[in-house]
Amino acid sequence: MNEDSANVKHITQADFSNEVTRCPLPVAVEFYATWCAPCRQEVPLLDQVAGNYTGKIKFVKVNIDESPGLAQNYEVQAVPLLILFKDGNLVERLLGLQTETNLTAKLNGLVGK
């Protein structure tokens, strides 16, 4: 789970500023843990949906056990947690396993569709 998938890049705390807060695109950040069953279930869905937003939204994931400072900074109390950023600012938090319909609606809102 700590590897990049086709459309979602695994990042650490050291990468966060460049990959998220300084990114010109909106960014979807999944906070997850390798021991979390719903997180493992969400991997293929997130990768599939991310493919539909290539060039419009950047998708990254952060392992809370590897980057506890980020988890604390963004008040991650449960996973999976998807946080949407636009212009470097937190826009929305989506807690728990998402459905494709809900996730797509939220992402469309992020890009203004």
N, C-alpha and C. Protein backbone atom coordinates (compact mmCIF):
# COMPACT_ATOMS: atom_id res chain seq x y z
N MET A 1 0.81 -1.21 0.00
CA MET A 1 0.00 0.00 0.00
C MET A 1 0.85 1.27 0.00
N ASN A 2 2.10 1.16 0.37
CA ASN A 2 2.95 2.34 0.42
C ASN A 2 3.54 2.70 -0.94
N GLU A 3 3.26 1.90 -1.94
CA GLU A 3 3.79 2.17 -3.26
C GLU A 3 2.82 3.09 -4.02
N ASP A 4 3.37 3.75 -5.04
CA ASP A 4 2.52 4.51 -5.95
C ASP A 4 1.64 3.53 -6.70
N SER A 5 0.44 3.96 -7.05
CA SER A 5 -0.39 3.18 -7.96
C SER A 5 -0.36 3.92 -9.30
N ALA A 6 -1.14 3.47 -10.24
CA ALA A 6 -1.11 4.08 -11.57
C ALA A 6 -1.42 5.58 -11.52
N ASN A 7 -2.33 6.00 -10.65
CA ASN A 7 -2.80 7.39 -10.64
C ASN A 7 -2.67 8.10 -9.30
N VAL A 8 -2.14 7.40 -8.29
CA VAL A 8 -2.02 7.98 -6.95
C VAL A 8 -0.59 7.81 -6.46
N LYS A 9 0.04 8.92 -6.07
CA LYS A 9 1.44 8.91 -5.65
C LYS A 9 1.53 8.86 -4.12
N HIS A 10 2.36 7.97 -3.61
CA HIS A 10 2.64 7.89 -2.17
C HIS A 10 3.66 8.98 -1.82
N ILE A 11 3.34 9.81 -0.83
CA ILE A 11 4.27 10.87 -0.41
C ILE A 11 4.49 10.79 1.11
N THR A 12 5.52 11.49 1.56
CA THR A 12 5.82 11.56 2.98
C THR A 12 5.73 13.03 3.43
N GLN A 13 5.95 13.25 4.69
CA GLN A 13 5.91 14.60 5.23
C GLN A 13 6.89 15.53 4.51
N ALA A 14 8.05 15.00 4.15
CA ALA A 14 9.07 15.81 3.47
C ALA A 14 8.59 16.30 2.11
N ASP A 15 7.70 15.53 1.46
CA ASP A 15 7.20 15.88 0.12
C ASP A 15 5.96 16.76 0.15
N PHE A 16 5.30 16.85 1.29
CA PHE A 16 3.96 17.41 1.36
C PHE A 16 3.86 18.84 0.82
N SER A 17 4.74 19.69 1.22
CA SER A 17 4.67 21.09 0.80
C SER A 17 4.74 21.21 -0.72
N ASN A 18 5.73 20.57 -1.35
CA ASN A 18 5.87 20.64 -2.80
C ASN A 18 4.73 19.95 -3.53
N GLU A 19 4.29 18.82 -3.02
CA GLU A 19 3.29 18.02 -3.71
C GLU A 19 1.86 18.52 -3.48
N VAL A 20 1.61 19.20 -2.37
CA VAL A 20 0.23 19.57 -2.03
C VAL A 20 0.04 21.08 -1.93
N THR A 21 0.68 21.70 -0.96
CA THR A 21 0.37 23.11 -0.70
C THR A 21 0.92 24.05 -1.77
N ARG A 22 1.92 23.65 -2.51
CA ARG A 22 2.46 24.50 -3.58
C ARG A 22 1.99 24.06 -4.97
N CYS A 23 1.15 23.06 -5.04
CA CYS A 23 0.70 22.53 -6.32
C CYS A 23 -0.33 23.48 -6.96
N PRO A 24 -0.15 23.77 -8.25
CA PRO A 24 -1.12 24.65 -8.93
C PRO A 24 -2.48 23.99 -9.16
N LEU A 25 -2.51 22.68 -9.15
CA LEU A 25 -3.76 21.93 -9.32
C LEU A 25 -4.42 21.69 -7.97
N PRO A 26 -5.73 21.47 -7.94
CA PRO A 26 -6.35 20.95 -6.72
C PRO A 26 -5.71 19.59 -6.39
N VAL A 27 -5.68 19.25 -5.11
CA VAL A 27 -5.04 18.00 -4.68
C VAL A 27 -5.98 17.22 -3.74
N ALA A 28 -6.09 15.92 -3.99
CA ALA A 28 -6.81 15.02 -3.11
C ALA A 28 -5.77 14.20 -2.37
N VAL A 29 -5.78 14.30 -1.04
CA VAL A 29 -4.80 13.60 -0.20
C VAL A 29 -5.52 12.55 0.62
N GLU A 30 -5.16 11.29 0.41
CA GLU A 30 -5.74 10.22 1.22
C GLU A 30 -4.78 9.92 2.36
N PHE A 31 -5.26 10.07 3.59
CA PHE A 31 -4.52 9.64 4.77
C PHE A 31 -4.99 8.23 5.07
N TYR A 32 -4.03 7.30 5.22
CA TYR A 32 -4.37 5.89 5.38
C TYR A 32 -3.35 5.20 6.29
N ALA A 33 -3.63 3.94 6.59
CA ALA A 33 -2.69 3.09 7.32
C ALA A 33 -2.72 1.70 6.69
N THR A 34 -1.59 1.02 6.71
CA THR A 34 -1.52 -0.30 6.08
C THR A 34 -2.37 -1.33 6.82
N TRP A 35 -2.64 -1.10 8.11
CA TRP A 35 -3.42 -2.04 8.92
C TRP A 35 -4.92 -1.79 8.79
N CYS A 36 -5.33 -0.79 8.04
CA CYS A 36 -6.74 -0.37 7.92
C CYS A 36 -7.42 -1.08 6.76
N ALA A 37 -8.39 -1.96 7.07
CA ALA A 37 -9.10 -2.71 6.02
C ALA A 37 -9.87 -1.79 5.06
N PRO A 38 -10.64 -0.80 5.55
CA PRO A 38 -11.31 0.08 4.61
C PRO A 38 -10.34 0.86 3.70
N CYS A 39 -9.16 1.17 4.22
CA CYS A 39 -8.15 1.85 3.41
C CYS A 39 -7.73 0.96 2.24
N ARG A 40 -7.53 -0.32 2.52
CA ARG A 40 -7.16 -1.26 1.45
C ARG A 40 -8.28 -1.40 0.43
N GLN A 41 -9.53 -1.35 0.90
CA GLN A 41 -10.68 -1.44 -0.01
C GLN A 41 -10.77 -0.21 -0.91
N GLU A 42 -10.36 0.93 -0.41
CA GLU A 42 -10.50 2.18 -1.16
C GLU A 42 -9.42 2.35 -2.23
N VAL A 43 -8.32 1.61 -2.15
CA VAL A 43 -7.21 1.78 -3.09
C VAL A 43 -7.65 1.66 -4.55
N PRO A 44 -8.32 0.57 -4.96
CA PRO A 44 -8.67 0.48 -6.38
C PRO A 44 -9.68 1.54 -6.82
N LEU A 45 -10.61 1.89 -5.96
CA LEU A 45 -11.60 2.91 -6.30
C LEU A 45 -10.91 4.26 -6.51
N LEU A 46 -10.05 4.64 -5.59
CA LEU A 46 -9.36 5.92 -5.68
C LEU A 46 -8.49 5.97 -6.93
N ASP A 47 -7.80 4.87 -7.23
CA ASP A 47 -6.95 4.83 -8.41
C ASP A 47 -7.78 4.96 -9.68
N GLN A 48 -8.90 4.27 -9.73
CA GLN A 48 -9.77 4.32 -10.91
C GLN A 48 -10.34 5.73 -11.09
N VAL A 49 -10.88 6.31 -10.03
CA VAL A 49 -11.47 7.64 -10.12
C VAL A 49 -10.39 8.68 -10.45
N ALA A 50 -9.22 8.54 -9.87
CA ALA A 50 -8.13 9.48 -10.13
C ALA A 50 -7.78 9.53 -11.62
N GLY A 51 -7.88 8.41 -12.29
CA GLY A 51 -7.59 8.35 -13.73
C GLY A 51 -8.51 9.24 -14.55
N ASN A 52 -9.70 9.50 -14.03
CA ASN A 52 -10.66 10.36 -14.74
C ASN A 52 -10.35 11.84 -14.58
N TYR A 53 -9.41 12.18 -13.69
CA TYR A 53 -9.10 13.58 -13.41
C TYR A 53 -7.65 13.94 -13.74
N THR A 54 -7.02 13.15 -14.58
CA THR A 54 -5.63 13.41 -14.96
C THR A 54 -5.51 14.82 -15.54
N GLY A 55 -4.57 15.58 -15.00
CA GLY A 55 -4.36 16.95 -15.45
C GLY A 55 -5.29 17.96 -14.81
N LYS A 56 -6.28 17.49 -14.02
CA LYS A 56 -7.24 18.38 -13.37
C LYS A 56 -7.08 18.39 -11.85
N ILE A 57 -6.81 17.19 -11.28
CA ILE A 57 -6.62 17.03 -9.84
C ILE A 57 -5.43 16.09 -9.63
N LYS A 58 -4.56 16.45 -8.71
CA LYS A 58 -3.45 15.57 -8.33
C LYS A 58 -3.92 14.70 -7.17
N PHE A 59 -3.59 13.41 -7.20
CA PHE A 59 -3.95 12.47 -6.14
C PHE A 59 -2.70 11.95 -5.47
N VAL A 60 -2.65 12.07 -4.14
CA VAL A 60 -1.53 11.55 -3.37
C VAL A 60 -2.08 10.84 -2.14
N LYS A 61 -1.23 10.02 -1.54
CA LYS A 61 -1.63 9.33 -0.30
C LYS A 61 -0.50 9.42 0.70
N VAL A 62 -0.89 9.48 1.99
CA VAL A 62 0.05 9.63 3.09
C VAL A 62 -0.23 8.55 4.13
N ASN A 63 0.78 7.77 4.46
CA ASN A 63 0.67 6.76 5.50
C ASN A 63 0.83 7.47 6.85
N ILE A 64 -0.21 7.39 7.68
CA ILE A 64 -0.18 8.11 8.97
C ILE A 64 0.88 7.58 9.92
N ASP A 65 1.26 6.32 9.76
CA ASP A 65 2.29 5.75 10.63
C ASP A 65 3.69 6.22 10.22
N GLU A 66 3.86 6.55 8.94
CA GLU A 66 5.15 7.05 8.44
C GLU A 66 5.27 8.56 8.61
N SER A 67 4.15 9.25 8.63
CA SER A 67 4.14 10.71 8.71
C SER A 67 3.19 11.18 9.82
N PRO A 68 3.51 10.83 11.08
CA PRO A 68 2.60 11.18 12.17
C PRO A 68 2.44 12.69 12.37
N GLY A 69 3.45 13.46 12.02
CA GLY A 69 3.35 14.91 12.15
C GLY A 69 2.26 15.49 11.25
N LEU A 70 2.17 14.97 10.03
CA LEU A 70 1.11 15.41 9.11
C LEU A 70 -0.25 15.00 9.64
N ALA A 71 -0.33 13.77 10.12
CA ALA A 71 -1.60 13.28 10.67
C ALA A 71 -2.05 14.17 11.83
N GLN A 72 -1.12 14.55 12.66
CA GLN A 72 -1.45 15.42 13.80
C GLN A 72 -1.83 16.81 13.31
N ASN A 73 -1.06 17.34 12.37
CA ASN A 73 -1.31 18.68 11.85
C ASN A 73 -2.69 18.81 11.21
N TYR A 74 -3.14 17.76 10.54
CA TYR A 74 -4.44 17.79 9.88
C TYR A 74 -5.52 17.07 10.69
N GLU A 75 -5.22 16.83 11.96
CA GLU A 75 -6.18 16.26 12.92
C GLU A 75 -6.84 14.98 12.40
N VAL A 76 -6.00 14.08 11.90
CA VAL A 76 -6.49 12.79 11.41
C VAL A 76 -6.74 11.91 12.63
N GLN A 77 -8.00 11.64 12.92
CA GLN A 77 -8.36 10.81 14.06
C GLN A 77 -8.87 9.44 13.65
N ALA A 78 -9.19 9.30 12.36
CA ALA A 78 -9.65 8.02 11.82
C ALA A 78 -9.28 7.97 10.34
N VAL A 79 -9.10 6.76 9.83
CA VAL A 79 -8.76 6.57 8.42
C VAL A 79 -9.71 5.53 7.82
N PRO A 80 -9.92 5.57 6.51
CA PRO A 80 -9.34 6.50 5.56
C PRO A 80 -9.97 7.88 5.66
N LEU A 81 -9.14 8.88 5.42
CA LEU A 81 -9.60 10.27 5.41
C LEU A 81 -9.05 10.91 4.14
N LEU A 82 -9.94 11.40 3.31
CA LEU A 82 -9.54 12.08 2.09
C LEU A 82 -9.74 13.58 2.32
N ILE A 83 -8.65 14.33 2.19
CA ILE A 83 -8.72 15.78 2.35
C ILE A 83 -8.48 16.42 1.00
N LEU A 84 -9.39 17.31 0.62
CA LEU A 84 -9.29 18.02 -0.65
C LEU A 84 -8.71 19.40 -0.43
N PHE A 85 -7.71 19.74 -1.25
CA PHE A 85 -7.03 21.03 -1.17
C PHE A 85 -7.20 21.77 -2.49
N LYS A 86 -7.35 23.08 -2.40
CA LYS A 86 -7.36 23.93 -3.59
C LYS A 86 -6.57 25.18 -3.25
N ASP A 87 -5.66 25.54 -4.14
CA ASP A 87 -4.77 26.69 -3.91
C ASP A 87 -4.02 26.56 -2.58
N GLY A 88 -3.68 25.32 -2.22
CA GLY A 88 -2.91 25.07 -1.01
C GLY A 88 -3.72 25.07 0.27
N ASN A 89 -5.02 25.31 0.17
CA ASN A 89 -5.88 25.39 1.35
C ASN A 89 -6.82 24.20 1.44
N LEU A 90 -7.04 23.74 2.65
CA LEU A 90 -7.97 22.65 2.90
C LEU A 90 -9.39 23.11 2.55
N VAL A 91 -10.06 22.33 1.70
CA VAL A 91 -11.40 22.68 1.25
C VAL A 91 -12.45 21.77 1.90
N GLU A 92 -12.14 20.47 1.97
CA GLU A 92 -13.13 19.52 2.48
C GLU A 92 -12.45 18.26 3.00
N ARG A 93 -13.11 17.63 3.98
CA ARG A 93 -12.64 16.38 4.57
C ARG A 93 -13.70 15.31 4.34
N LEU A 94 -13.31 14.17 3.79
CA LEU A 94 -14.22 13.06 3.54
C LEU A 94 -13.74 11.86 4.35
N LEU A 95 -14.45 11.56 5.41
CA LEU A 95 -14.04 10.49 6.32
C LEU A 95 -14.71 9.18 5.95
N GLY A 96 -13.94 8.10 6.00
CA GLY A 96 -14.48 6.77 5.77
C GLY A 96 -14.42 6.36 4.31
N LEU A 97 -14.81 5.12 4.08
CA LEU A 97 -14.82 4.55 2.74
C LEU A 97 -15.85 5.28 1.89
N GLN A 98 -15.43 5.80 0.76
CA GLN A 98 -16.29 6.59 -0.11
C GLN A 98 -16.91 5.73 -1.20
N THR A 99 -18.09 6.12 -1.64
CA THR A 99 -18.69 5.48 -2.82
C THR A 99 -18.18 6.25 -4.04
N GLU A 100 -18.21 5.60 -5.18
CA GLU A 100 -17.76 6.26 -6.40
C GLU A 100 -18.63 7.49 -6.70
N THR A 101 -19.92 7.38 -6.48
CA THR A 101 -20.85 8.48 -6.75
C THR A 101 -20.52 9.69 -5.88
N ASN A 102 -20.35 9.48 -4.57
CA ASN A 102 -20.05 10.58 -3.66
C ASN A 102 -18.69 11.19 -3.98
N LEU A 103 -17.71 10.35 -4.20
CA LEU A 103 -16.36 10.83 -4.48
C LEU A 103 -16.33 11.65 -5.76
N THR A 104 -16.98 11.17 -6.80
CA THR A 104 -17.03 11.88 -8.07
C THR A 104 -17.73 13.23 -7.92
N ALA A 105 -18.82 13.26 -7.17
CA ALA A 105 -19.53 14.52 -6.94
C ALA A 105 -18.63 15.54 -6.24
N LYS A 106 -17.91 15.11 -5.22
CA LYS A 106 -17.04 16.01 -4.47
C LYS A 106 -15.88 16.51 -5.35
N LEU A 107 -15.33 15.62 -6.15
CA LEU A 107 -14.22 15.99 -7.03
C LEU A 107 -14.68 16.93 -8.14
N ASN A 108 -15.87 16.69 -8.67
CA ASN A 108 -16.43 17.60 -9.68
C ASN A 108 -16.61 18.99 -9.09
N GLY A 109 -17.05 19.06 -7.85
CA GLY A 109 -17.18 20.34 -7.17
C GLY A 109 -15.84 21.03 -7.01
N LEU A 110 -14.81 20.24 -6.76
CA LEU A 110 -13.46 20.79 -6.57
C LEU A 110 -12.93 21.43 -7.85
N VAL A 111 -13.24 20.85 -9.00
CA VAL A 111 -12.76 21.39 -10.27
C VAL A 111 -13.78 22.29 -10.95
N GLY A 112 -14.93 22.47 -10.30
CA GLY A 112 -15.92 23.39 -10.83
C GLY A 112 -16.76 22.85 -11.95
N LYS A 113 -16.99 21.54 -11.98
CA LYS A 113 -17.86 20.94 -13.01
C LYS A 113 -19.30 21.05 -12.62
